[in-house]
Amino acid sequence: DEYLEAVQVAAPIFRDYGGRQRFCGQIVTLKALEDNSYLKAS
């Protein structure tokens, strides 16, 4: 409501699974197909 089109809004395709539903931070990205080796390293 405050920033309108200055922000992007993700399509509602995700479900919440963690112990926290509200979280924020600076983005670190990873692209990996069916291999979580780099996720663990991150």
PDB file of all heavy atoms in Angstrom:
ATOM      1  N   ASP A   1       0.822  -1.217   0.000  1.00  0.00           N
ATOM      2  CA  ASP A   1       0.000   0.000   0.000  1.00  0.00           C
ATOM      3  C   ASP A   1       0.850   1.258   0.000  1.00  0.00           C
ATOM      4  O   ASP A   1       0.503   2.254  -0.637  1.00  0.00           O
ATOM      5  CB  ASP A   1      -0.937   0.014   1.212  1.00  0.00           C
ATOM      6  CG  ASP A   1      -2.047  -1.008   1.100  1.00  0.00           C
ATOM      7  OD1 ASP A   1      -2.229  -1.600   0.014  1.00  0.00           O
ATOM      8  OD2 ASP A   1      -2.740  -1.232   2.113  1.00  0.00           O
ATOM      9  N   GLU A   2       1.982   1.217   0.691  1.00  0.00           N
ATOM     10  CA  GLU A   2       2.842   2.397   0.772  1.00  0.00           C
ATOM     11  C   GLU A   2       3.677   2.595  -0.492  1.00  0.00           C
ATOM     12  O   GLU A   2       3.843   3.710  -0.968  1.00  0.00           O
ATOM     13  CB  GLU A   2       3.767   2.290   1.983  1.00  0.00           C
ATOM     14  CG  GLU A   2       4.645   3.519   2.155  1.00  0.00           C
ATOM     15  CD  GLU A   2       5.439   3.506   3.444  1.00  0.00           C
ATOM     16  OE1 GLU A   2       5.166   2.673   4.326  1.00  0.00           O
ATOM     17  OE2 GLU A   2       6.350   4.344   3.553  1.00  0.00           O
ATOM     18  N   TYR A   3       4.191   1.489  -1.061  1.00  0.00           N
ATOM     19  CA  TYR A   3       5.129   1.611  -2.171  1.00  0.00           C
ATOM     20  C   TYR A   3       4.538   1.265  -3.533  1.00  0.00           C
ATOM     21  O   TYR A   3       5.164   1.530  -4.557  1.00  0.00           O
ATOM     22  CB  TYR A   3       6.370   0.748  -1.904  1.00  0.00           C
ATOM     23  CG  TYR A   3       7.154   1.258  -0.724  1.00  0.00           C
ATOM     24  CD1 TYR A   3       6.992   0.702   0.543  1.00  0.00           C
ATOM     25  CD2 TYR A   3       8.035   2.314  -0.866  1.00  0.00           C
ATOM     26  CE1 TYR A   3       7.708   1.178   1.632  1.00  0.00           C
ATOM     27  CE2 TYR A   3       8.755   2.797   0.215  1.00  0.00           C
ATOM     28  CZ  TYR A   3       8.580   2.229   1.459  1.00  0.00           C
ATOM     29  OH  TYR A   3       9.280   2.703   2.530  1.00  0.00           O
ATOM     30  N   LEU A   4       3.368   0.646  -3.555  1.00  0.00           N
ATOM     31  CA  LEU A   4       2.650   0.288  -4.777  1.00  0.00           C
ATOM     32  C   LEU A   4       3.574  -0.366  -5.811  1.00  0.00           C
ATOM     33  O   LEU A   4       4.198  -1.363  -5.536  1.00  0.00           O
ATOM     34  CB  LEU A   4       1.909   1.499  -5.345  1.00  0.00           C
ATOM     35  CG  LEU A   4       0.844   2.089  -4.410  1.00  0.00           C
ATOM     36  CD1 LEU A   4       0.292   3.384  -4.983  1.00  0.00           C
ATOM     37  CD2 LEU A   4      -0.265   1.087  -4.153  1.00  0.00           C
ATOM     38  N   GLU A   5       3.634   0.201  -6.991  1.00  0.00           N
ATOM     39  CA  GLU A   5       4.378  -0.440  -8.076  1.00  0.00           C
ATOM     40  C   GLU A   5       5.894  -0.288  -7.969  1.00  0.00           C
ATOM     41  O   GLU A   5       6.626  -0.770  -8.826  1.00  0.00           O
ATOM     42  CB  GLU A   5       3.878   0.067  -9.429  1.00  0.00           C
ATOM     43  CG  GLU A   5       2.415  -0.270  -9.691  1.00  0.00           C
ATOM     44  CD  GLU A   5       2.079  -1.752  -9.498  1.00  0.00           C
ATOM     45  OE1 GLU A   5       2.821  -2.615 -10.010  1.00  0.00           O
ATOM     46  OE2 GLU A   5       1.081  -2.041  -8.822  1.00  0.00           O
ATOM     47  N   ALA A   6       6.382   0.340  -6.894  1.00  0.00           N
ATOM     48  CA  ALA A   6       7.822   0.410  -6.661  1.00  0.00           C
ATOM     49  C   ALA A   6       8.343  -0.911  -6.098  1.00  0.00           C
ATOM     50  O   ALA A   6       9.551  -1.114  -6.010  1.00  0.00           O
ATOM     51  CB  ALA A   6       8.157   1.552  -5.712  1.00  0.00           C
ATOM     52  N   VAL A   7       7.418  -1.795  -5.715  1.00  0.00           N
ATOM     53  CA  VAL A   7       7.793  -3.119  -5.231  1.00  0.00           C
ATOM     54  C   VAL A   7       7.199  -4.182  -6.146  1.00  0.00           C
ATOM     55  O   VAL A   7       6.252  -3.914  -6.880  1.00  0.00           O
ATOM     56  CB  VAL A   7       7.325  -3.364  -3.771  1.00  0.00           C
ATOM     57  CG1 VAL A   7       8.015  -2.398  -2.823  1.00  0.00           C
ATOM     58  CG2 VAL A   7       5.822  -3.292  -3.641  1.00  0.00           C
ATOM     59  N   GLN A   8       7.761  -5.381  -6.101  1.00  0.00           N
ATOM     60  CA  GLN A   8       7.203  -6.520  -6.826  1.00  0.00           C
ATOM     61  C   GLN A   8       6.449  -7.394  -5.825  1.00  0.00           C
ATOM     62  O   GLN A   8       6.856  -7.500  -4.670  1.00  0.00           O
ATOM     63  CB  GLN A   8       8.315  -7.366  -7.442  1.00  0.00           C
ATOM     64  CG  GLN A   8       9.190  -6.657  -8.450  1.00  0.00           C
ATOM     65  CD  GLN A   8      10.245  -7.633  -8.928  1.00  0.00           C
ATOM     66  OE1 GLN A   8       9.995  -8.454  -9.799  1.00  0.00           O
ATOM     67  NE2 GLN A   8      11.434  -7.558  -8.343  1.00  0.00           N
ATOM     68  N   VAL A   9       5.395  -8.020  -6.291  1.00  0.00           N
ATOM     69  CA  VAL A   9       4.621  -8.936  -5.453  1.00  0.00           C
ATOM     70  C   VAL A   9       4.655 -10.310  -6.127  1.00  0.00           C
ATOM     71  O   VAL A   9       4.234 -10.460  -7.275  1.00  0.00           O
ATOM     72  CB  VAL A   9       3.168  -8.456  -5.281  1.00  0.00           C
ATOM     73  CG1 VAL A   9       2.364  -9.462  -4.474  1.00  0.00           C
ATOM     74  CG2 VAL A   9       3.136  -7.078  -4.618  1.00  0.00           C
ATOM     75  N   ALA A  10       5.155 -11.298  -5.397  1.00  0.00           N
ATOM     76  CA  ALA A  10       5.264 -12.652  -5.941  1.00  0.00           C
ATOM     77  C   ALA A  10       3.890 -13.295  -6.088  1.00  0.00           C
ATOM     78  O   ALA A  10       2.989 -13.055  -5.275  1.00  0.00           O
ATOM     79  CB  ALA A  10       6.147 -13.511  -5.039  1.00  0.00           C
ATOM     80  N   ALA A  11       3.743 -14.100  -7.120  1.00  0.00           N
ATOM     81  CA  ALA A  11       2.509 -14.871  -7.310  1.00  0.00           C
ATOM     82  C   ALA A  11       2.282 -15.751  -6.075  1.00  0.00           C
ATOM     83  O   ALA A  11       3.245 -16.243  -5.477  1.00  0.00           O
ATOM     84  CB  ALA A  11       2.617 -15.730  -8.564  1.00  0.00           C
ATOM     85  N   PRO A  12       1.033 -15.966  -5.702  1.00  0.00           N
ATOM     86  CA  PRO A  12       0.734 -16.722  -4.476  1.00  0.00           C
ATOM     87  C   PRO A  12       0.830 -18.235  -4.674  1.00  0.00           C
ATOM     88  O   PRO A  12      -0.155 -18.964  -4.574  1.00  0.00           O
ATOM     89  CB  PRO A  12      -0.693 -16.281  -4.155  1.00  0.00           C
ATOM     90  CG  PRO A  12      -1.288 -16.002  -5.494  1.00  0.00           C
ATOM     91  CD  PRO A  12      -0.170 -15.420  -6.329  1.00  0.00           C
ATOM     92  N   ILE A  13       2.044 -18.701  -4.907  1.00  0.00           N
ATOM     93  CA  ILE A  13       2.243 -20.130  -5.176  1.00  0.00           C
ATOM     94  C   ILE A  13       2.908 -20.865  -4.011  1.00  0.00           C
ATOM     95  O   ILE A  13       3.031 -22.081  -4.039  1.00  0.00           O
ATOM     96  CB  ILE A  13       3.087 -20.340  -6.458  1.00  0.00           C
ATOM     97  CG1 ILE A  13       4.459 -19.696  -6.335  1.00  0.00           C
ATOM     98  CG2 ILE A  13       2.335 -19.799  -7.670  1.00  0.00           C
ATOM     99  CD1 ILE A  13       5.401 -19.979  -7.497  1.00  0.00           C
ATOM    100  N   PHE A  14       3.322 -20.124  -2.975  1.00  0.00           N
ATOM    101  CA  PHE A  14       4.082 -20.723  -1.880  1.00  0.00           C
ATOM    102  C   PHE A  14       3.226 -21.003  -0.659  1.00  0.00           C
ATOM    103  O   PHE A  14       2.267 -20.292  -0.386  1.00  0.00           O
ATOM    104  CB  PHE A  14       5.234 -19.790  -1.467  1.00  0.00           C
ATOM    105  CG  PHE A  14       6.173 -19.490  -2.587  1.00  0.00           C
ATOM    106  CD1 PHE A  14       6.100 -18.286  -3.269  1.00  0.00           C
ATOM    107  CD2 PHE A  14       7.127 -20.415  -2.979  1.00  0.00           C
ATOM    108  CE1 PHE A  14       6.959 -18.008  -4.317  1.00  0.00           C
ATOM    109  CE2 PHE A  14       7.983 -20.152  -4.029  1.00  0.00           C
ATOM    110  CZ  PHE A  14       7.899 -18.946  -4.702  1.00  0.00           C
ATOM    111  N   ARG A  15       3.645 -22.033   0.075  1.00  0.00           N
ATOM    112  CA  ARG A  15       3.054 -22.345   1.371  1.00  0.00           C
ATOM    113  C   ARG A  15       4.100 -22.077   2.445  1.00  0.00           C
ATOM    114  O   ARG A  15       5.295 -22.163   2.193  1.00  0.00           O
ATOM    115  CB  ARG A  15       2.628 -23.814   1.420  1.00  0.00           C
ATOM    116  CG  ARG A  15       1.469 -24.105   0.476  1.00  0.00           C
ATOM    117  CD  ARG A  15       1.010 -25.542   0.551  1.00  0.00           C
ATOM    118  NE  ARG A  15       0.726 -25.928   1.938  1.00  0.00           N
ATOM    119  CZ  ARG A  15       0.614 -27.186   2.352  1.00  0.00           C
ATOM    120  NH1 ARG A  15       0.744 -28.180   1.504  1.00  0.00           N
ATOM    121  NH2 ARG A  15       0.371 -27.460   3.613  1.00  0.00           N
ATOM    122  N   ASP A  16       3.622 -21.762   3.646  1.00  0.00           N
ATOM    123  CA  ASP A  16       4.518 -21.531   4.785  1.00  0.00           C
ATOM    124  C   ASP A  16       4.797 -22.845   5.495  1.00  0.00           C
ATOM    125  O   ASP A  16       3.870 -23.587   5.814  1.00  0.00           O
ATOM    126  CB  ASP A  16       3.880 -20.553   5.777  1.00  0.00           C
ATOM    127  CG  ASP A  16       3.909 -19.130   5.285  1.00  0.00           C
ATOM    128  OD1 ASP A  16       5.010 -18.641   4.989  1.00  0.00           O
ATOM    129  OD2 ASP A  16       2.842 -18.504   5.205  1.00  0.00           O
ATOM    130  N   TYR A  17       6.076 -23.096   5.783  1.00  0.00           N
ATOM    131  CA  TYR A  17       6.456 -24.327   6.475  1.00  0.00           C
ATOM    132  C   TYR A  17       7.321 -24.088   7.696  1.00  0.00           C
ATOM    133  O   TYR A  17       7.421 -24.951   8.558  1.00  0.00           O
ATOM    134  CB  TYR A  17       7.204 -25.270   5.518  1.00  0.00           C
ATOM    135  CG  TYR A  17       6.333 -25.801   4.417  1.00  0.00           C
ATOM    136  CD1 TYR A  17       6.413 -25.268   3.129  1.00  0.00           C
ATOM    137  CD2 TYR A  17       5.416 -26.816   4.651  1.00  0.00           C
ATOM    138  CE1 TYR A  17       5.611 -25.757   2.102  1.00  0.00           C
ATOM    139  CE2 TYR A  17       4.610 -27.300   3.636  1.00  0.00           C
ATOM    140  CZ  TYR A  17       4.719 -26.771   2.371  1.00  0.00           C
ATOM    141  OH  TYR A  17       3.924 -27.238   1.356  1.00  0.00           O
ATOM    142  N   GLY A  18       7.986 -22.960   7.795  1.00  0.00           N
ATOM    143  CA  GLY A  18       8.932 -22.726   8.880  1.00  0.00           C
ATOM    144  C   GLY A  18       8.278 -22.312  10.179  1.00  0.00           C
ATOM    145  O   GLY A  18       7.072 -22.063  10.253  1.00  0.00           O
ATOM    146  N   GLY A  19       9.094 -22.220  11.208  1.00  0.00           N
ATOM    147  CA  GLY A  19       8.628 -21.781  12.513  1.00  0.00           C
ATOM    148  C   GLY A  19       8.289 -20.306  12.548  1.00  0.00           C
ATOM    149  O   GLY A  19       7.627 -19.837  13.474  1.00  0.00           O
ATOM    150  N   ARG A  20       8.748 -19.562  11.555  1.00  0.00           N
ATOM    151  CA  ARG A  20       8.429 -18.133  11.418  1.00  0.00           C
ATOM    152  C   ARG A  20       7.664 -17.931  10.122  1.00  0.00           C
ATOM    153  O   ARG A  20       8.125 -18.363   9.072  1.00  0.00           O
ATOM    154  CB  ARG A  20       9.715 -17.319  11.269  1.00  0.00           C
ATOM    155  CG  ARG A  20      10.325 -16.857  12.523  1.00  0.00           C
ATOM    156  CD  ARG A  20      11.322 -15.772  12.166  1.00  0.00           C
ATOM    157  NE  ARG A  20      12.661 -16.232  12.479  1.00  0.00           N
ATOM    158  CZ  ARG A  20      13.752 -15.628  12.071  1.00  0.00           C
ATOM    159  NH1 ARG A  20      13.686 -14.576  11.295  1.00  0.00           N
ATOM    160  NH2 ARG A  20      14.924 -16.080  12.405  1.00  0.00           N
ATOM    161  N   GLN A  21       6.549 -17.254  10.188  1.00  0.00           N
ATOM    162  CA  GLN A  21       5.835 -16.933   8.943  1.00  0.00           C
ATOM    163  C   GLN A  21       6.231 -15.561   8.431  1.00  0.00           C
ATOM    164  O   GLN A  21       6.094 -15.289   7.245  1.00  0.00           O
ATOM    165  CB  GLN A  21       4.326 -17.001   9.153  1.00  0.00           C
ATOM    166  CG  GLN A  21       3.828 -18.426   9.286  1.00  0.00           C
ATOM    167  CD  GLN A  21       2.318 -18.503   9.241  1.00  0.00           C
ATOM    168  OE1 GLN A  21       1.618 -17.697   9.849  1.00  0.00           O
ATOM    169  NE2 GLN A  21       1.799 -19.467   8.517  1.00  0.00           N
ATOM    170  N   ARG A  22       6.714 -14.709   9.307  1.00  0.00           N
ATOM    171  CA  ARG A  22       7.099 -13.348   8.926  1.00  0.00           C
ATOM    172  C   ARG A  22       8.624 -13.244   8.993  1.00  0.00           C
ATOM    173  O   ARG A  22       9.212 -13.476  10.040  1.00  0.00           O
ATOM    174  CB  ARG A  22       6.457 -12.354   9.882  1.00  0.00           C
ATOM    175  CG  ARG A  22       6.649 -10.908   9.531  1.00  0.00           C
ATOM    176  CD  ARG A  22       5.936 -10.037  10.545  1.00  0.00           C
ATOM    177  NE  ARG A  22       4.577 -10.516  10.758  1.00  0.00           N
ATOM    178  CZ  ARG A  22       3.477  -9.917  10.305  1.00  0.00           C
ATOM    179  NH1 ARG A  22       3.575  -8.805   9.650  1.00  0.00           N
ATOM    180  NH2 ARG A  22       2.282 -10.430  10.542  1.00  0.00           N
ATOM    181  N   PHE A  23       9.241 -12.927   7.839  1.00  0.00           N
ATOM    182  CA  PHE A  23      10.697 -12.783   7.818  1.00  0.00           C
ATOM    183  C   PHE A  23      11.085 -11.834   6.692  1.00  0.00           C
ATOM    184  O   PHE A  23      10.326 -11.622   5.749  1.00  0.00           O
ATOM    185  CB  PHE A  23      11.401 -14.138   7.670  1.00  0.00           C
ATOM    186  CG  PHE A  23      11.045 -14.922   6.427  1.00  0.00           C
ATOM    187  CD1 PHE A  23      11.836 -14.866   5.289  1.00  0.00           C
ATOM    188  CD2 PHE A  23       9.921 -15.742   6.409  1.00  0.00           C
ATOM    189  CE1 PHE A  23      11.515 -15.607   4.153  1.00  0.00           C
ATOM    190  CE2 PHE A  23       9.594 -16.492   5.283  1.00  0.00           C
ATOM    191  CZ  PHE A  23      10.398 -16.420   4.148  1.00  0.00           C
ATOM    192  N   CYS A  24      12.260 -11.257   6.802  1.00  0.00           N
ATOM    193  CA  CYS A  24      12.742 -10.345   5.762  1.00  0.00           C
ATOM    194  C   CYS A  24      14.254 -10.309   5.804  1.00  0.00           C
ATOM    195  O   CYS A  24      14.875 -10.668   6.801  1.00  0.00           O
ATOM    196  CB  CYS A  24      12.165  -8.947   5.952  1.00  0.00           C
ATOM    197  SG  CYS A  24      12.675  -8.112   7.455  1.00  0.00           S
ATOM    198  N   GLY A  25      14.826  -9.863   4.695  1.00  0.00           N
ATOM    199  CA  GLY A  25      16.261  -9.716   4.629  1.00  0.00           C
ATOM    200  C   GLY A  25      16.746  -9.501   3.217  1.00  0.00           C
ATOM    201  O   GLY A  25      15.970  -9.503   2.261  1.00  0.00           O
ATOM    202  N   GLN A  26      18.054  -9.320   3.123  1.00  0.00           N
ATOM    203  CA  GLN A  26      18.693  -9.118   1.828  1.00  0.00           C
ATOM    204  C   GLN A  26      18.781 -10.461   1.105  1.00  0.00           C
ATOM    205  O   GLN A  26      19.105 -11.482   1.701  1.00  0.00           O
ATOM    206  CB  GLN A  26      20.077  -8.521   2.024  1.00  0.00           C
ATOM    207  CG  GLN A  26      20.638  -7.901   0.782  1.00  0.00           C
ATOM    208  CD  GLN A  26      21.801  -6.983   1.072  1.00  0.00           C
ATOM    209  OE1 GLN A  26      22.496  -7.133   2.067  1.00  0.00           O
ATOM    210  NE2 GLN A  26      22.029  -6.034   0.186  1.00  0.00           N
ATOM    211  N   ILE A  27      18.473 -10.432  -0.178  1.00  0.00           N
ATOM    212  CA  ILE A  27      18.397 -11.662  -0.972  1.00  0.00           C
ATOM    213  C   ILE A  27      19.776 -12.191  -1.356  1.00  0.00           C
ATOM    214  O   ILE A  27      20.633 -11.455  -1.835  1.00  0.00           O
ATOM    215  CB  ILE A  27      17.568 -11.410  -2.254  1.00  0.00           C
ATOM    216  CG1 ILE A  27      16.107 -11.111  -1.893  1.00  0.00           C
ATOM    217  CG2 ILE A  27      17.664 -12.594  -3.212  1.00  0.00           C
ATOM    218  CD1 ILE A  27      15.264 -10.679  -3.078  1.00  0.00           C
ATOM    219  N   VAL A  28      19.938 -13.496  -1.138  1.00  0.00           N
ATOM    220  CA  VAL A  28      21.063 -14.276  -1.655  1.00  0.00           C
ATOM    221  C   VAL A  28      20.424 -15.327  -2.551  1.00  0.00           C
ATOM    222  O   VAL A  28      19.452 -15.964  -2.156  1.00  0.00           O
ATOM    223  CB  VAL A  28      21.854 -14.957  -0.513  1.00  0.00           C
ATOM    224  CG1 VAL A  28      22.934 -15.865  -1.073  1.00  0.00           C
ATOM    225  CG2 VAL A  28      22.431 -13.918   0.434  1.00  0.00           C
ATOM    226  N   THR A  29      20.924 -15.495  -3.764  1.00  0.00           N
ATOM    227  CA  THR A  29      20.263 -16.409  -4.702  1.00  0.00           C
ATOM    228  C   THR A  29      21.073 -17.668  -4.972  1.00  0.00           C
ATOM    229  O   THR A  29      22.293 -17.684  -4.878  1.00  0.00           O
ATOM    230  CB  THR A  29      19.975 -15.719  -6.055  1.00  0.00           C
ATOM    231  OG1 THR A  29      21.214 -15.339  -6.663  1.00  0.00           O
ATOM    232  CG2 THR A  29      19.065 -14.521  -5.885  1.00  0.00           C
ATOM    233  N   LEU A  30      20.310 -18.703  -5.331  1.00  0.00           N
ATOM    234  CA  LEU A  30      20.881 -19.991  -5.694  1.00  0.00           C
ATOM    235  C   LEU A  30      19.977 -20.646  -6.725  1.00  0.00           C
ATOM    236  O   LEU A  30      18.757 -20.686  -6.549  1.00  0.00           O
ATOM    237  CB  LEU A  30      20.970 -20.897  -4.453  1.00  0.00           C
ATOM    238  CG  LEU A  30      21.195 -22.391  -4.681  1.00  0.00           C
ATOM    239  CD1 LEU A  30      22.520 -22.643  -5.387  1.00  0.00           C
ATOM    240  CD2 LEU A  30      21.126 -23.137  -3.365  1.00  0.00           C
ATOM    241  N   LYS A  31      20.576 -21.135  -7.797  1.00  0.00           N
ATOM    242  CA  LYS A  31      19.842 -21.909  -8.801  1.00  0.00           C
ATOM    243  C   LYS A  31      20.413 -23.314  -8.782  1.00  0.00           C
ATOM    244  O   LYS A  31      21.619 -23.507  -8.990  1.00  0.00           O
ATOM    245  CB  LYS A  31      19.986 -21.286 -10.185  1.00  0.00           C
ATOM    246  CG  LYS A  31      19.156 -21.989 -11.256  1.00  0.00           C
ATOM    247  CD  LYS A  31      19.243 -21.237 -12.576  1.00  0.00           C
ATOM    248  CE  LYS A  31      18.359 -21.852 -13.635  1.00  0.00           C
ATOM    249  NZ  LYS A  31      16.935 -21.659 -13.412  1.00  0.00           N
ATOM    250  N   ALA A  32      19.566 -24.293  -8.498  1.00  0.00           N
ATOM    251  CA  ALA A  32      20.025 -25.680  -8.426  1.00  0.00           C
ATOM    252  C   ALA A  32      18.840 -26.600  -8.688  1.00  0.00           C
ATOM    253  O   ALA A  32      17.757 -26.388  -8.142  1.00  0.00           O
ATOM    254  CB  ALA A  32      20.622 -25.976  -7.058  1.00  0.00           C
ATOM    255  N   LEU A  33      19.049 -27.599  -9.509  1.00  0.00           N
ATOM    256  CA  LEU A  33      17.988 -28.545  -9.842  1.00  0.00           C
ATOM    257  C   LEU A  33      18.235 -29.872  -9.136  1.00  0.00           C
ATOM    258  O   LEU A  33      19.230 -30.555  -9.423  1.00  0.00           O
ATOM    259  CB  LEU A  33      17.912 -28.758 -11.359  1.00  0.00           C
ATOM    260  CG  LEU A  33      16.845 -29.755 -11.823  1.00  0.00           C
ATOM    261  CD1 LEU A  33      15.446 -29.249 -11.455  1.00  0.00           C
ATOM    262  CD2 LEU A  33      16.952 -29.987 -13.313  1.00  0.00           C
ATOM    263  N   GLU A  34      17.364 -30.183  -8.200  1.00  0.00           N
ATOM    264  CA  GLU A  34      17.361 -31.483  -7.523  1.00  0.00           C
ATOM    265  C   GLU A  34      18.703 -31.843  -6.893  1.00  0.00           C
ATOM    266  O   GLU A  34      19.096 -33.003  -6.846  1.00  0.00           O
ATOM    267  CB  GLU A  34      16.866 -32.564  -8.492  1.00  0.00           C
ATOM    268  CG  GLU A  34      15.461 -32.270  -8.970  1.00  0.00           C
ATOM    269  CD  GLU A  34      14.953 -33.205 -10.042  1.00  0.00           C
ATOM    270  OE1 GLU A  34      15.668 -34.151 -10.426  1.00  0.00           O
ATOM    271  OE2 GLU A  34      13.815 -32.983 -10.509  1.00  0.00           O
ATOM    272  N   ASP A  35      19.403 -30.832  -6.398  1.00  0.00           N
ATOM    273  CA  ASP A  35      20.684 -31.007  -5.717  1.00  0.00           C
ATOM    274  C   ASP A  35      20.802 -29.892  -4.683  1.00  0.00           C
ATOM    275  O   ASP A  35      20.830 -28.719  -5.044  1.00  0.00           O
ATOM    276  CB  ASP A  35      21.824 -30.925  -6.734  1.00  0.00           C
ATOM    277  CG  ASP A  35      23.204 -31.102  -6.109  1.00  0.00           C
ATOM    278  OD1 ASP A  35      23.332 -31.073  -4.865  1.00  0.00           O
ATOM    279  OD2 ASP A  35      24.168 -31.252  -6.875  1.00  0.00           O
ATOM    280  N   ASN A  36      20.865 -30.257  -3.399  1.00  0.00           N
ATOM    281  CA  ASN A  36      20.914 -29.223  -2.374  1.00  0.00           C
ATOM    282  C   ASN A  36      22.313 -28.994  -1.799  1.00  0.00           C
ATOM    283  O   ASN A  36      22.464 -28.402  -0.732  1.00  0.00           O
ATOM    284  CB  ASN A  36      19.909 -29.512  -1.260  1.00  0.00           C
ATOM    285  CG  ASN A  36      20.240 -30.751  -0.458  1.00  0.00           C
ATOM    286  OD1 ASN A  36      21.229 -31.428  -0.715  1.00  0.00           O
ATOM    287  ND2 ASN A  36      19.403 -31.048   0.516  1.00  0.00           N
ATOM    288  N   SER A  37      23.345 -29.418  -2.493  1.00  0.00           N
ATOM    289  CA  SER A  37      24.721 -29.233  -2.021  1.00  0.00           C
ATOM    290  C   SER A  37      25.032 -27.753  -1.767  1.00  0.00           C
ATOM    291  O   SER A  37      25.613 -27.403  -0.735  1.00  0.00           O
ATOM    292  CB  SER A  37      25.724 -29.768  -3.051  1.00  0.00           C
ATOM    293  OG  SER A  37      25.466 -31.109  -3.369  1.00  0.00           O
ATOM    294  N   TYR A  38      24.650 -26.884  -2.686  1.00  0.00           N
ATOM    295  CA  TYR A  38      24.941 -25.461  -2.541  1.00  0.00           C
ATOM    296  C   TYR A  38      24.022 -24.806  -1.512  1.00  0.00           C
ATOM    297  O   TYR A  38      24.408 -23.818  -0.882  1.00  0.00           O
ATOM    298  CB  TYR A  38      24.819 -24.751  -3.894  1.00  0.00           C
ATOM    299  CG  TYR A  38      26.037 -24.909  -4.779  1.00  0.00           C
ATOM    300  CD1 TYR A  38      26.573 -26.173  -5.051  1.00  0.00           C
ATOM    301  CD2 TYR A  38      26.647 -23.821  -5.353  1.00  0.00           C
ATOM    302  CE1 TYR A  38      27.680 -26.328  -5.869  1.00  0.00           C
ATOM    303  CE2 TYR A  38      27.760 -23.962  -6.179  1.00  0.00           C
ATOM    304  CZ  TYR A  38      28.270 -25.216  -6.424  1.00  0.00           C
ATOM    305  OH  TYR A  38      29.365 -25.366  -7.230  1.00  0.00           O
ATOM    306  N   LEU A  39      22.832 -25.335  -1.333  1.00  0.00           N
ATOM    307  CA  LEU A  39      21.944 -24.828  -0.285  1.00  0.00           C
ATOM    308  C   LEU A  39      22.600 -25.072   1.069  1.00  0.00           C
ATOM    309  O   LEU A  39      22.660 -24.179   1.905  1.00  0.00           O
ATOM    310  CB  LEU A  39      20.578 -25.508  -0.375  1.00  0.00           C
ATOM    311  CG  LEU A  39      19.453 -24.890   0.456  1.00  0.00           C
ATOM    312  CD1 LEU A  39      18.108 -25.195  -0.173  1.00  0.00           C
ATOM    313  CD2 LEU A  39      19.455 -25.355   1.878  1.00  0.00           C
ATOM    314  N   LYS A  40      23.120 -26.260   1.282  1.00  0.00           N
ATOM    315  CA  LYS A  40      23.809 -26.580   2.535  1.00  0.00           C
ATOM    316  C   LYS A  40      25.007 -25.651   2.725  1.00  0.00           C
ATOM    317  O   LYS A  40      25.218 -25.098   3.807  1.00  0.00           O
ATOM    318  CB  LYS A  40      24.258 -28.040   2.543  1.00  0.00           C
ATOM    319  CG  LYS A  40      24.965 -28.450   3.824  1.00  0.00           C
ATOM    320  CD  LYS A  40      25.286 -29.936   3.799  1.00  0.00           C
ATOM    321  CE  LYS A  40      25.820 -30.403   5.138  1.00  0.00           C
ATOM    322  NZ  LYS A  40      27.244 -30.250   5.280  1.00  0.00           N
ATOM    323  N   ALA A  41      25.796 -25.471   1.679  1.00  0.00           N
ATOM    324  CA  ALA A  41      26.969 -24.590   1.769  1.00  0.00           C
ATOM    325  C   ALA A  41      26.553 -23.161   2.116  1.00  0.00           C
ATOM    326  O   ALA A  41      27.214 -22.497   2.922  1.00  0.00           O
ATOM    327  CB  ALA A  41      27.752 -24.617   0.454  1.00  0.00           C
ATOM    328  N   SER A  42      25.466 -22.698   1.531  1.00  0.00           N
ATOM    329  CA  SER A  42      24.975 -21.351   1.842  1.00  0.00           C
ATOM    330  C   SER A  42      24.563 -21.259   3.305  1.00  0.00           C
ATOM    331  O   SER A  42      24.912 -20.301   4.006  1.00  0.00           O
ATOM    332  CB  SER A  42      23.785 -20.992   0.952  1.00  0.00           C
ATOM    333  OG  SER A  42      24.179 -20.913  -0.390  1.00  0.00           O
TER     334      SER A  42
END
